[in-house]
Amino acid sequence: MALIDDVKLRLGIYYSDANKDLEIQGMIDGAIDYFKGAGWDIVDTSSTPLANEAIVLYCKMAQSTDPAMLINHPVLLSFVAQGRVVVVGE
């Protein structure tokens, strides 16, 4: 299953629509950029369960239109800490 299909199901979206797919792909791309900026080495997100979970949570949070809900969620921060790549000896 492609990452977008997994994210759609986890968001409760069971249909295909070109505009909605573009919106979701934009959220996925934003999530990937967010985690790369946080130090993750994301190459193939579909093969990493932790990356999938982090991307889904990011997308769920991105769906909110309430500005008060746009916070650094503690689970999101935990994902950031767990997924960072530590380079030793460089």
PDB file of N, CA and C in Angstrom:
ATOM      1  N   MET A   1       0.848  -1.176   0.000  1.00  0.00           N
ATOM      2  CA  MET A   1       0.000   0.000   0.000  1.00  0.00           C
ATOM      3  C   MET A   1       0.897   1.244   0.000  1.00  0.00           C
ATOM      4  N   ALA A   2       0.581   2.190  -0.855  1.00  0.00           N
ATOM      5  CA  ALA A   2       1.333   3.439  -0.937  1.00  0.00           C
ATOM      6  C   ALA A   2       1.083   4.272   0.319  1.00  0.00           C
ATOM      7  N   LEU A   3       2.034   5.096   0.647  1.00  0.00           N
ATOM      8  CA  LEU A   3       1.936   5.926   1.851  1.00  0.00           C
ATOM      9  C   LEU A   3       0.671   6.771   1.837  1.00  0.00           C
ATOM     10  N   ILE A   4       0.344   7.383   0.711  1.00  0.00           N
ATOM     11  CA  ILE A   4      -0.851   8.232   0.652  1.00  0.00           C
ATOM     12  C   ILE A   4      -2.114   7.416   0.945  1.00  0.00           C
ATOM     13  N   ASP A   5      -2.156   6.173   0.483  1.00  0.00           N
ATOM     14  CA  ASP A   5      -3.323   5.332   0.750  1.00  0.00           C
ATOM     15  C   ASP A   5      -3.441   5.016   2.234  1.00  0.00           C
ATOM     16  N   ASP A   6      -2.320   4.733   2.868  1.00  0.00           N
ATOM     17  CA  ASP A   6      -2.313   4.458   4.302  1.00  0.00           C
ATOM     18  C   ASP A   6      -2.753   5.690   5.089  1.00  0.00           C
ATOM     19  N   VAL A   7      -2.225   6.843   4.728  1.00  0.00           N
ATOM     20  CA  VAL A   7      -2.593   8.081   5.421  1.00  0.00           C
ATOM     21  C   VAL A   7      -4.070   8.385   5.236  1.00  0.00           C
ATOM     22  N   LYS A   8      -4.571   8.230   4.022  1.00  0.00           N
ATOM     23  CA  LYS A   8      -5.994   8.480   3.765  1.00  0.00           C
ATOM     24  C   LYS A   8      -6.881   7.605   4.647  1.00  0.00           C
ATOM     25  N   LEU A   9      -6.559   6.330   4.732  1.00  0.00           N
ATOM     26  CA  LEU A   9      -7.359   5.432   5.566  1.00  0.00           C
ATOM     27  C   LEU A   9      -7.312   5.844   7.034  1.00  0.00           C
ATOM     28  N   ARG A  10      -6.132   6.224   7.496  1.00  0.00           N
ATOM     29  CA  ARG A  10      -5.989   6.619   8.903  1.00  0.00           C
ATOM     30  C   ARG A  10      -6.680   7.947   9.191  1.00  0.00           C
ATOM     31  N   LEU A  11      -6.891   8.758   8.145  1.00  0.00           N
ATOM     32  CA  LEU A  11      -7.621  10.018   8.306  1.00  0.00           C
ATOM     33  C   LEU A  11      -9.125   9.826   8.123  1.00  0.00           C
ATOM     34  N   GLY A  12      -9.537   8.600   7.794  1.00  0.00           N
ATOM     35  CA  GLY A  12     -10.948   8.311   7.600  1.00  0.00           C
ATOM     36  C   GLY A  12     -11.467   8.707   6.237  1.00  0.00           C
ATOM     37  N   ILE A  13     -10.577   8.757   5.253  1.00  0.00           N
ATOM     38  CA  ILE A  13     -10.960   9.121   3.888  1.00  0.00           C
ATOM     39  C   ILE A  13     -10.937   7.845   3.053  1.00  0.00           C
ATOM     40  N   TYR A  14     -12.127   7.416   2.627  1.00  0.00           N
ATOM     41  CA  TYR A  14     -12.270   6.144   1.933  1.00  0.00           C
ATOM     42  C   TYR A  14     -12.648   6.312   0.465  1.00  0.00           C
ATOM     43  N   TYR A  15     -12.362   7.460  -0.094  1.00  0.00           N
ATOM     44  CA  TYR A  15     -12.699   7.716  -1.493  1.00  0.00           C
ATOM     45  C   TYR A  15     -11.502   8.358  -2.175  1.00  0.00           C
ATOM     46  N   SER A  16     -11.545   8.413  -3.493  1.00  0.00           N
ATOM     47  CA  SER A  16     -10.491   9.066  -4.257  1.00  0.00           C
ATOM     48  C   SER A  16     -11.049  10.297  -4.944  1.00  0.00           C
ATOM     49  N   ASP A  17     -10.332  11.382  -4.801  1.00  0.00           N
ATOM     50  CA  ASP A  17     -10.656  12.644  -5.446  1.00  0.00           C
ATOM     51  C   ASP A  17      -9.331  13.341  -5.699  1.00  0.00           C
ATOM     52  N   ALA A  18      -9.116  13.798  -6.913  1.00  0.00           N
ATOM     53  CA  ALA A  18      -7.819  14.381  -7.285  1.00  0.00           C
ATOM     54  C   ALA A  18      -7.439  15.546  -6.383  1.00  0.00           C
ATOM     55  N   ASN A  19      -8.385  16.432  -6.080  1.00  0.00           N
ATOM     56  CA  ASN A  19      -8.070  17.584  -5.233  1.00  0.00           C
ATOM     57  C   ASN A  19      -7.745  17.167  -3.808  1.00  0.00           C
ATOM     58  N   LYS A  20      -8.509  16.216  -3.278  1.00  0.00           N
ATOM     59  CA  LYS A  20      -8.255  15.746  -1.910  1.00  0.00           C
ATOM     60  C   LYS A  20      -6.921  15.021  -1.844  1.00  0.00           C
ATOM     61  N   ASP A  21      -6.610  14.229  -2.875  1.00  0.00           N
ATOM     62  CA  ASP A  21      -5.324  13.536  -2.910  1.00  0.00           C
ATOM     63  C   ASP A  21      -4.166  14.522  -2.941  1.00  0.00           C
ATOM     64  N   LEU A  22      -4.306  15.618  -3.688  1.00  0.00           N
ATOM     65  CA  LEU A  22      -3.260  16.651  -3.712  1.00  0.00           C
ATOM     66  C   LEU A  22      -3.101  17.299  -2.345  1.00  0.00           C
ATOM     67  N   GLU A  23      -4.221  17.537  -1.666  1.00  0.00           N
ATOM     68  CA  GLU A  23      -4.178  18.127  -0.326  1.00  0.00           C
ATOM     69  C   GLU A  23      -3.451  17.194   0.649  1.00  0.00           C
ATOM     70  N   ILE A  24      -3.785  15.926   0.594  1.00  0.00           N
ATOM     71  CA  ILE A  24      -3.154  14.964   1.498  1.00  0.00           C
ATOM     72  C   ILE A  24      -1.683  14.789   1.157  1.00  0.00           C
ATOM     73  N   GLN A  25      -1.351  14.733  -0.129  1.00  0.00           N
ATOM     74  CA  GLN A  25       0.050  14.610  -0.518  1.00  0.00           C
ATOM     75  C   GLN A  25       0.840  15.827  -0.044  1.00  0.00           C
ATOM     76  N   GLY A  26       0.212  16.997  -0.080  1.00  0.00           N
ATOM     77  CA  GLY A  26       0.868  18.204   0.437  1.00  0.00           C
ATOM     78  C   GLY A  26       1.150  18.099   1.928  1.00  0.00           C
ATOM     79  N   MET A  27       0.197  17.528   2.681  1.00  0.00           N
ATOM     80  CA  MET A  27       0.420  17.329   4.115  1.00  0.00           C
ATOM     81  C   MET A  27       1.533  16.317   4.357  1.00  0.00           C
ATOM     82  N   ILE A  28       1.563  15.253   3.552  1.00  0.00           N
ATOM     83  CA  ILE A  28       2.624  14.251   3.679  1.00  0.00           C
ATOM     84  C   ILE A  28       3.977  14.883   3.384  1.00  0.00           C
ATOM     85  N   ASP A  29       4.053  15.668   2.315  1.00  0.00           N
ATOM     86  CA  ASP A  29       5.313  16.338   1.969  1.00  0.00           C
ATOM     87  C   ASP A  29       5.742  17.292   3.074  1.00  0.00           C
ATOM     88  N   GLY A  30       4.774  18.002   3.659  1.00  0.00           N
ATOM     89  CA  GLY A  30       5.081  18.892   4.779  1.00  0.00           C
ATOM     90  C   GLY A  30       5.601  18.125   5.975  1.00  0.00           C
ATOM     91  N   ALA A  31       4.998  16.973   6.251  1.00  0.00           N
ATOM     92  CA  ALA A  31       5.441  16.135   7.367  1.00  0.00           C
ATOM     93  C   ALA A  31       6.868  15.648   7.136  1.00  0.00           C
ATOM     94  N   ILE A  32       7.144  15.197   5.925  1.00  0.00           N
ATOM     95  CA  ILE A  32       8.488  14.712   5.616  1.00  0.00           C
ATOM     96  C   ILE A  32       9.507  15.835   5.786  1.00  0.00           C
ATOM     97  N   ASP A  33       9.193  17.023   5.287  1.00  0.00           N
ATOM     98  CA  ASP A  33      10.095  18.163   5.452  1.00  0.00           C
ATOM     99  C   ASP A  33      10.278  18.516   6.930  1.00  0.00           C
ATOM    100  N   TYR A  34       9.180  18.451   7.698  1.00  0.00           N
ATOM    101  CA  TYR A  34       9.237  18.740   9.133  1.00  0.00           C
ATOM    102  C   TYR A  34      10.208  17.783   9.823  1.00  0.00           C
ATOM    103  N   PHE A  35      10.069  16.495   9.543  1.00  0.00           N
ATOM    104  CA  PHE A  35      10.922  15.523  10.211  1.00  0.00           C
ATOM    105  C   PHE A  35      12.358  15.555   9.693  1.00  0.00           C
ATOM    106  N   LYS A  36      12.547  15.849   8.428  1.00  0.00           N
ATOM    107  CA  LYS A  36      13.916  16.030   7.922  1.00  0.00           C
ATOM    108  C   LYS A  36      14.573  17.217   8.625  1.00  0.00           C
ATOM    109  N   GLY A  37      13.806  18.299   8.802  1.00  0.00           N
ATOM    110  CA  GLY A  37      14.330  19.467   9.507  1.00  0.00           C
ATOM    111  C   GLY A  37      14.642  19.180  10.965  1.00  0.00           C
ATOM    112  N   ALA A  38      13.981  18.158  11.512  1.00  0.00           N
ATOM    113  CA  ALA A  38      14.214  17.780  12.904  1.00  0.00           C
ATOM    114  C   ALA A  38      15.343  16.758  13.048  1.00  0.00           C
ATOM    115  N   GLY A  39      15.981  16.417  11.927  1.00  0.00           N
ATOM    116  CA  GLY A  39      17.129  15.532  11.990  1.00  0.00           C
ATOM    117  C   GLY A  39      16.886  14.100  11.557  1.00  0.00           C
ATOM    118  N   TRP A  40      15.713  13.803  11.016  1.00  0.00           N
ATOM    119  CA  TRP A  40      15.444  12.448  10.545  1.00  0.00           C
ATOM    120  C   TRP A  40      16.105  12.236   9.195  1.00  0.00           C
ATOM    121  N   ASP A  41      16.526  11.022   8.946  1.00  0.00           N
ATOM    122  CA  ASP A  41      17.054  10.635   7.642  1.00  0.00           C
ATOM    123  C   ASP A  41      15.960   9.828   6.943  1.00  0.00           C
ATOM    124  N   ILE A  42      14.978  10.536   6.394  1.00  0.00           N
ATOM    125  CA  ILE A  42      13.850   9.873   5.752  1.00  0.00           C
ATOM    126  C   ILE A  42      14.159   9.703   4.276  1.00  0.00           C
ATOM    127  N   VAL A  43      14.254   8.454   3.862  1.00  0.00           N
ATOM    128  CA  VAL A  43      14.472   8.146   2.452  1.00  0.00           C
ATOM    129  C   VAL A  43      13.245   7.449   1.902  1.00  0.00           C
ATOM    130  N   ASP A  44      12.872   6.364   2.536  1.00  0.00           N
ATOM    131  CA  ASP A  44      11.708   5.587   2.092  1.00  0.00           C
ATOM    132  C   ASP A  44      10.753   5.454   3.276  1.00  0.00           C
ATOM    133  N   THR A  45       9.824   6.388   3.381  1.00  0.00           N
ATOM    134  CA  THR A  45       8.936   6.422   4.536  1.00  0.00           C
ATOM    135  C   THR A  45       8.021   5.216   4.608  1.00  0.00           C
ATOM    136  N   SER A  46       7.728   4.595   3.489  1.00  0.00           N
ATOM    137  CA  SER A  46       6.796   3.471   3.509  1.00  0.00           C
ATOM    138  C   SER A  46       7.387   2.233   4.175  1.00  0.00           C
ATOM    139  N   SER A  47       8.694   2.193   4.358  1.00  0.00           N
ATOM    140  CA  SER A  47       9.311   1.013   4.954  1.00  0.00           C
ATOM    141  C   SER A  47       9.588   1.174   6.441  1.00  0.00           C
ATOM    142  N   THR A  48       9.272   2.319   7.018  1.00  0.00           N
ATOM    143  CA  THR A  48       9.563   2.580   8.421  1.00  0.00           C
ATOM    144  C   THR A  48       8.272   2.810   9.193  1.00  0.00           C
ATOM    145  N   PRO A  49       7.873   1.879  10.039  1.00  0.00           N
ATOM    146  CA  PRO A  49       6.635   2.058  10.787  1.00  0.00           C
ATOM    147  C   PRO A  49       6.615   3.329  11.641  1.00  0.00           C
ATOM    148  N   LEU A  50       7.733   3.674  12.263  1.00  0.00           N
ATOM    149  CA  LEU A  50       7.785   4.879  13.079  1.00  0.00           C
ATOM    150  C   LEU A  50       7.556   6.124  12.223  1.00  0.00           C
ATOM    151  N   ALA A  51       8.163   6.150  11.041  1.00  0.00           N
ATOM    152  CA  ALA A  51       7.960   7.288  10.141  1.00  0.00           C
ATOM    153  C   ALA A  51       6.504   7.374   9.697  1.00  0.00           C
ATOM    154  N   ASN A  52       5.896   6.237   9.395  1.00  0.00           N
ATOM    155  CA  ASN A  52       4.484   6.239   8.997  1.00  0.00           C
ATOM    156  C   ASN A  52       3.607   6.794  10.109  1.00  0.00           C
ATOM    157  N   GLU A  53       3.830   6.339  11.328  1.00  0.00           N
ATOM    158  CA  GLU A  53       3.037   6.821  12.458  1.00  0.00           C
ATOM    159  C   GLU A  53       3.226   8.314  12.661  1.00  0.00           C
ATOM    160  N   ALA A  54       4.452   8.786  12.546  1.00  0.00           N
ATOM    161  CA  ALA A  54       4.738  10.209  12.721  1.00  0.00           C
ATOM    162  C   ALA A  54       4.061  11.037  11.629  1.00  0.00           C
ATOM    163  N   ILE A  55       4.109  10.562  10.405  1.00  0.00           N
ATOM    164  CA  ILE A  55       3.487  11.281   9.295  1.00  0.00           C
ATOM    165  C   ILE A  55       1.973  11.322   9.458  1.00  0.00           C
ATOM    166  N   VAL A  56       1.376  10.214   9.875  1.00  0.00           N
ATOM    167  CA  VAL A  56      -0.071  10.187  10.087  1.00  0.00           C
ATOM    168  C   VAL A  56      -0.463  11.181  11.174  1.00  0.00           C
ATOM    169  N   LEU A  57       0.264  11.197  12.289  1.00  0.00           N
ATOM    170  CA  LEU A  57      -0.053  12.132  13.369  1.00  0.00           C
ATOM    171  C   LEU A  57       0.084  13.576  12.882  1.00  0.00           C
ATOM    172  N   TYR A  58       1.143  13.863  12.140  1.00  0.00           N
ATOM    173  CA  TYR A  58       1.334  15.198  11.594  1.00  0.00           C
ATOM    174  C   TYR A  58       0.150  15.590  10.714  1.00  0.00           C
ATOM    175  N   CYS A  59      -0.276  14.669   9.850  1.00  0.00           N
ATOM    176  CA  CYS A  59      -1.393  14.945   8.939  1.00  0.00           C
ATOM    177  C   CYS A  59      -2.697  15.142   9.698  1.00  0.00           C
ATOM    178  N   LYS A  60      -2.916  14.364  10.747  1.00  0.00           N
ATOM    179  CA  LYS A  60      -4.115  14.545  11.558  1.00  0.00           C
ATOM    180  C   LYS A  60      -4.115  15.930  12.201  1.00  0.00           C
ATOM    181  N   MET A  61      -2.970  16.358  12.681  1.00  0.00           N
ATOM    182  CA  MET A  61      -2.874  17.681  13.295  1.00  0.00           C
ATOM    183  C   MET A  61      -3.033  18.776  12.239  1.00  0.00           C
ATOM    184  N   ALA A  62      -2.556  18.532  11.032  1.00  0.00           N
ATOM    185  CA  ALA A  62      -2.647  19.532   9.966  1.00  0.00           C
ATOM    186  C   ALA A  62      -4.078  19.731   9.489  1.00  0.00           C
ATOM    187  N   GLN A  63      -4.950  18.759   9.738  1.00  0.00           N
ATOM    188  CA  GLN A  63      -6.354  18.882   9.344  1.00  0.00           C
ATOM    189  C   GLN A  63      -7.096  19.914  10.186  1.00  0.00           C
ATOM    190  N   SER A  64      -6.614  20.173  11.368  1.00  0.00           N
ATOM    191  CA  SER A  64      -7.312  21.081  12.276  1.00  0.00           C
ATOM    192  C   SER A  64      -7.265  22.509  11.744  1.00  0.00           C
ATOM    193  N   THR A  65      -8.379  23.201  11.873  1.00  0.00           N
ATOM    194  CA  THR A  65      -8.415  24.615  11.481  1.00  0.00           C
ATOM    195  C   THR A  65      -8.446  25.518  12.713  1.00  0.00           C
ATOM    196  N   ASP A  66      -8.353  24.919  13.894  1.00  0.00           N
ATOM    197  CA  ASP A  66      -8.350  25.678  15.140  1.00  0.00           C
ATOM    198  C   ASP A  66      -6.909  26.072  15.472  1.00  0.00           C
ATOM    199  N   PRO A  67      -6.575  27.366  15.446  1.00  0.00           N
ATOM    200  CA  PRO A  67      -5.204  27.794  15.718  1.00  0.00           C
ATOM    201  C   PRO A  67      -4.691  27.333  17.080  1.00  0.00           C
ATOM    202  N   ALA A  68      -5.581  27.183  18.057  1.00  0.00           N
ATOM    203  CA  ALA A  68      -5.158  26.742  19.384  1.00  0.00           C
ATOM    204  C   ALA A  68      -4.678  25.292  19.372  1.00  0.00           C
ATOM    205  N   MET A  69      -5.086  24.532  18.368  1.00  0.00           N
ATOM    206  CA  MET A  69      -4.686  23.131  18.283  1.00  0.00           C
ATOM    207  C   MET A  69      -3.351  22.942  17.558  1.00  0.00           C
ATOM    208  N   LEU A  70      -2.832  23.991  16.959  1.00  0.00           N
ATOM    209  CA  LEU A  70      -1.565  23.895  16.232  1.00  0.00           C
ATOM    210  C   LEU A  70      -0.416  24.085  17.220  1.00  0.00           C
ATOM    211  N   ILE A  71      -0.141  23.027  17.966  1.00  0.00           N
ATOM    212  CA  ILE A  71       0.888  23.048  18.991  1.00  0.00           C
ATOM    213  C   ILE A  71       1.919  21.979  18.679  1.00  0.00           C
ATOM    214  N   ASN A  72       3.008  22.002  19.412  1.00  0.00           N
ATOM    215  CA  ASN A  72       3.977  20.916  19.317  1.00  0.00           C
ATOM    216  C   ASN A  72       3.474  19.784  20.206  1.00  0.00           C
ATOM    217  N   HIS A  73       2.752  18.885  19.605  1.00  0.00           N
ATOM    218  CA  HIS A  73       2.148  17.757  20.305  1.00  0.00           C
ATOM    219  C   HIS A  73       3.245  16.920  20.963  1.00  0.00           C
ATOM    220  N   PRO A  74       3.050  16.493  22.213  1.00  0.00           N
ATOM    221  CA  PRO A  74       4.094  15.719  22.896  1.00  0.00           C
ATOM    222  C   PRO A  74       4.472  14.426  22.178  1.00  0.00           C
ATOM    223  N   VAL A  75       3.508  13.768  21.544  1.00  0.00           N
ATOM    224  CA  VAL A  75       3.838  12.542  20.811  1.00  0.00           C
ATOM    225  C   VAL A  75       4.657  12.891  19.571  1.00  0.00           C
ATOM    226  N   LEU A  76       4.323  13.998  18.909  1.00  0.00           N
ATOM    227  CA  LEU A  76       5.089  14.437  17.748  1.00  0.00           C
ATOM    228  C   LEU A  76       6.530  14.724  18.161  1.00  0.00           C
ATOM    229  N   LEU A  77       6.716  15.379  19.290  1.00  0.00           N
ATOM    230  CA  LEU A  77       8.072  15.654  19.785  1.00  0.00           C
ATOM    231  C   LEU A  77       8.807  14.371  20.142  1.00  0.00           C
ATOM    232  N   SER A  78       8.083  13.397  20.658  1.00  0.00           N
ATOM    233  CA  SER A  78       8.689  12.104  20.955  1.00  0.00           C
ATOM    234  C   SER A  78       9.157  11.424  19.681  1.00  0.00           C
ATOM    235  N   PHE A  79       8.324  11.495  18.635  1.00  0.00           N
ATOM    236  CA  PHE A  79       8.732  10.942  17.340  1.00  0.00           C
ATOM    237  C   PHE A  79       9.999  11.629  16.830  1.00  0.00           C
ATOM    238  N   VAL A  80      10.068  12.940  16.988  1.00  0.00           N
ATOM    239  CA  VAL A  80      11.252  13.682  16.548  1.00  0.00           C
ATOM    240  C   VAL A  80      12.493  13.131  17.245  1.00  0.00           C
ATOM    241  N   ALA A  81      12.395  12.976  18.554  1.00  0.00           N
ATOM    242  CA  ALA A  81      13.541  12.488  19.322  1.00  0.00           C
ATOM    243  C   ALA A  81      13.934  11.069  18.922  1.00  0.00           C
ATOM    244  N   GLN A  82      12.951  10.219  18.687  1.00  0.00           N
ATOM    245  CA  GLN A  82      13.239   8.819  18.351  1.00  0.00           C
ATOM    246  C   GLN A  82      13.823   8.645  16.968  1.00  0.00           C
ATOM    247  N   GLY A  83      13.442   9.509  16.042  1.00  0.00           N
ATOM    248  CA  GLY A  83      13.843   9.321  14.653  1.00  0.00           C
ATOM    249  C   GLY A  83      15.081  10.060  14.228  1.00  0.00           C
ATOM    250  N   ARG A  84      15.664  10.832  15.140  1.00  0.00           N
ATOM    251  CA  ARG A  84      16.868  11.592  14.759  1.00  0.00           C
ATOM    252  C   ARG A  84      18.025  10.669  14.471  1.00  0.00           C
ATOM    253  N   VAL A  85      18.782  11.066  13.476  1.00  0.00           N
ATOM    254  CA  VAL A  85      19.995  10.333  13.124  1.00  0.00           C
ATOM    255  C   VAL A  85      21.148  10.970  13.874  1.00  0.00           C
ATOM    256  N   VAL A  86      21.881  10.154  14.586  1.00  0.00           N
ATOM    257  CA  VAL A  86      23.035  10.638  15.326  1.00  0.00           C
ATOM    258  C   VAL A  86      24.287  10.215  14.562  1.00  0.00           C
ATOM    259  N   VAL A  87      25.058  11.184  14.135  1.00  0.00           N
ATOM    260  CA  VAL A  87      26.278  10.910  13.390  1.00  0.00           C
ATOM    261  C   VAL A  87      27.443  10.961  14.397  1.00  0.00           C
ATOM    262  N   VAL A  88      28.145   9.862  14.519  1.00  0.00           N
ATOM    263  CA  VAL A  88      29.247   9.760  15.469  1.00  0.00           C
ATOM    264  C   VAL A  88      30.561   9.795  14.706  1.00  0.00           C
ATOM    265  N   GLY A  89      31.477  10.627  15.175  1.00  0.00           N
ATOM    266  CA  GLY A  89      32.828  10.635  14.618  1.00  0.00           C
ATOM    267  C   GLY A  89      33.015  11.499  13.394  1.00  0.00           C
ATOM    268  N   GLU A  90      32.087  12.384  13.100  1.00  0.00           N
ATOM    269  CA  GLU A  90      32.297  13.253  11.935  1.00  0.00           C
ATOM    270  C   GLU A  90      32.731  14.616  12.371  1.00  0.00           C
TER     271      GLU A  90
END
